[in-house]
Amino acid sequence: MAKLARHLRSPKAFVDHGFPSGIDFCIQFLSSPEFNAPTLRKLAPSASSKEKKQDLVIRVAHALKQGQLPLNQVLLEYVKKSRMWLSLK
């Protein structure tokens, strides 16, 4: 039981790399594996189907910053994406 409790104190589930807030954080977050190109295309429907992920990230981040894309829409796409369960070792 003590071994299990020791692991529960440090799940290593979230890592803060110290990115500045604002568009810099937004770009890093959208660049993460949590958002793939098809998900980003849903958030930027005017984007070309050949546009690369990093270009989509920049497009979506700027749309958020300029208020052209509601944050709720980004969060909705984020939670819709299926994920594996977090395994605490």
Protein backbone atom coordinates (compact mmCIF):
# COMPACT_ATOMS: atom_id res chain seq x y z
CA MET A 1 0.00 0.00 0.00
CA ALA A 2 2.86 2.41 0.79
CA LYS A 3 4.29 1.80 -2.69
CA LEU A 4 0.94 2.67 -4.30
CA ALA A 5 0.54 5.80 -2.17
CA ARG A 6 4.03 7.02 -3.13
CA HIS A 7 3.10 6.84 -6.83
CA LEU A 8 -0.19 8.63 -6.32
CA ARG A 9 1.61 11.67 -4.93
CA SER A 10 3.37 12.24 -8.27
CA PRO A 11 1.21 11.14 -11.20
CA LYS A 12 3.26 13.10 -13.79
CA ALA A 13 0.03 13.79 -15.68
CA PHE A 14 0.60 17.44 -16.53
CA VAL A 15 3.89 19.14 -17.29
CA ASP A 16 4.32 22.91 -17.31
CA HIS A 17 7.21 23.79 -19.59
CA GLY A 18 6.95 27.45 -18.62
CA PHE A 19 5.60 28.87 -21.86
CA PRO A 20 4.48 32.48 -21.59
CA SER A 21 0.73 33.04 -21.48
CA GLY A 22 -1.16 34.31 -24.49
CA ILE A 23 -0.49 33.39 -28.09
CA ASP A 24 2.85 31.68 -27.31
CA PHE A 25 1.14 29.22 -24.96
CA CYS A 26 -1.75 28.81 -27.41
CA ILE A 27 0.64 27.90 -30.26
CA GLN A 28 2.48 25.38 -28.08
CA PHE A 29 -0.78 23.85 -26.84
CA LEU A 30 -2.26 23.57 -30.34
CA SER A 31 1.04 22.09 -31.59
CA SER A 32 0.84 19.30 -29.03
CA PRO A 33 -0.33 15.79 -29.97
CA GLU A 34 -3.68 16.69 -28.35
CA PHE A 35 -4.59 18.47 -31.60
CA ASN A 36 -4.09 16.76 -34.93
CA ALA A 37 -4.50 18.32 -38.38
CA PRO A 38 -8.11 17.10 -38.90
CA THR A 39 -9.15 18.63 -35.56
CA LEU A 40 -7.44 21.91 -36.41
CA ARG A 41 -9.13 21.94 -39.84
CA LYS A 42 -12.50 21.78 -38.07
CA LEU A 43 -11.48 24.96 -36.24
CA ALA A 44 -10.26 26.62 -39.45
CA PRO A 45 -12.76 25.54 -42.13
CA SER A 46 -11.38 28.03 -44.67
CA ALA A 47 -7.94 26.39 -44.53
CA SER A 48 -6.69 24.39 -47.47
CA SER A 49 -6.86 20.61 -47.15
CA LYS A 50 -3.13 20.55 -47.96
CA GLU A 51 -2.18 23.01 -45.21
CA LYS A 52 0.34 21.53 -42.77
CA LYS A 53 -0.36 21.21 -39.05
CA GLN A 54 1.98 24.06 -38.03
CA ASP A 55 0.27 26.44 -40.47
CA LEU A 56 -3.12 25.39 -39.12
CA VAL A 57 -1.86 26.01 -35.57
CA ILE A 58 -0.82 29.56 -36.45
CA ARG A 59 -4.14 30.19 -38.23
CA VAL A 60 -6.21 28.93 -35.27
CA ALA A 61 -4.07 30.76 -32.67
CA HIS A 62 -4.46 34.07 -34.49
CA ALA A 63 -8.20 33.52 -34.94
CA LEU A 64 -8.47 32.99 -31.18
CA LYS A 65 -6.39 36.07 -30.41
CA GLN A 66 -8.48 38.24 -32.74
CA GLY A 67 -11.76 36.93 -31.32
CA GLN A 68 -12.78 35.32 -34.63
CA LEU A 69 -12.91 31.87 -33.06
CA PRO A 70 -14.70 31.25 -29.76
CA LEU A 71 -12.60 29.53 -27.10
CA ASN A 72 -15.59 27.29 -26.34
CA GLN A 73 -15.36 25.85 -29.85
CA VAL A 74 -11.68 24.93 -29.32
CA LEU A 75 -12.46 23.36 -25.94
CA LEU A 76 -15.36 21.42 -27.42
CA GLU A 77 -13.12 19.93 -30.14
CA TYR A 78 -10.53 19.17 -27.45
CA VAL A 79 -12.94 17.20 -25.28
CA LYS A 80 -14.56 15.39 -28.23
CA LYS A 81 -11.27 13.76 -29.15
CA SER A 82 -10.98 10.23 -27.79
CA ARG A 83 -8.08 9.60 -25.41
CA MET A 84 -6.50 6.73 -23.64
CA TRP A 85 -7.08 6.55 -19.91
CA LEU A 86 -4.31 7.90 -17.74
CA SER A 87 -2.42 5.06 -16.14
CA LEU A 88 -0.80 5.78 -12.78
CA LYS A 89 2.10 3.45 -12.15
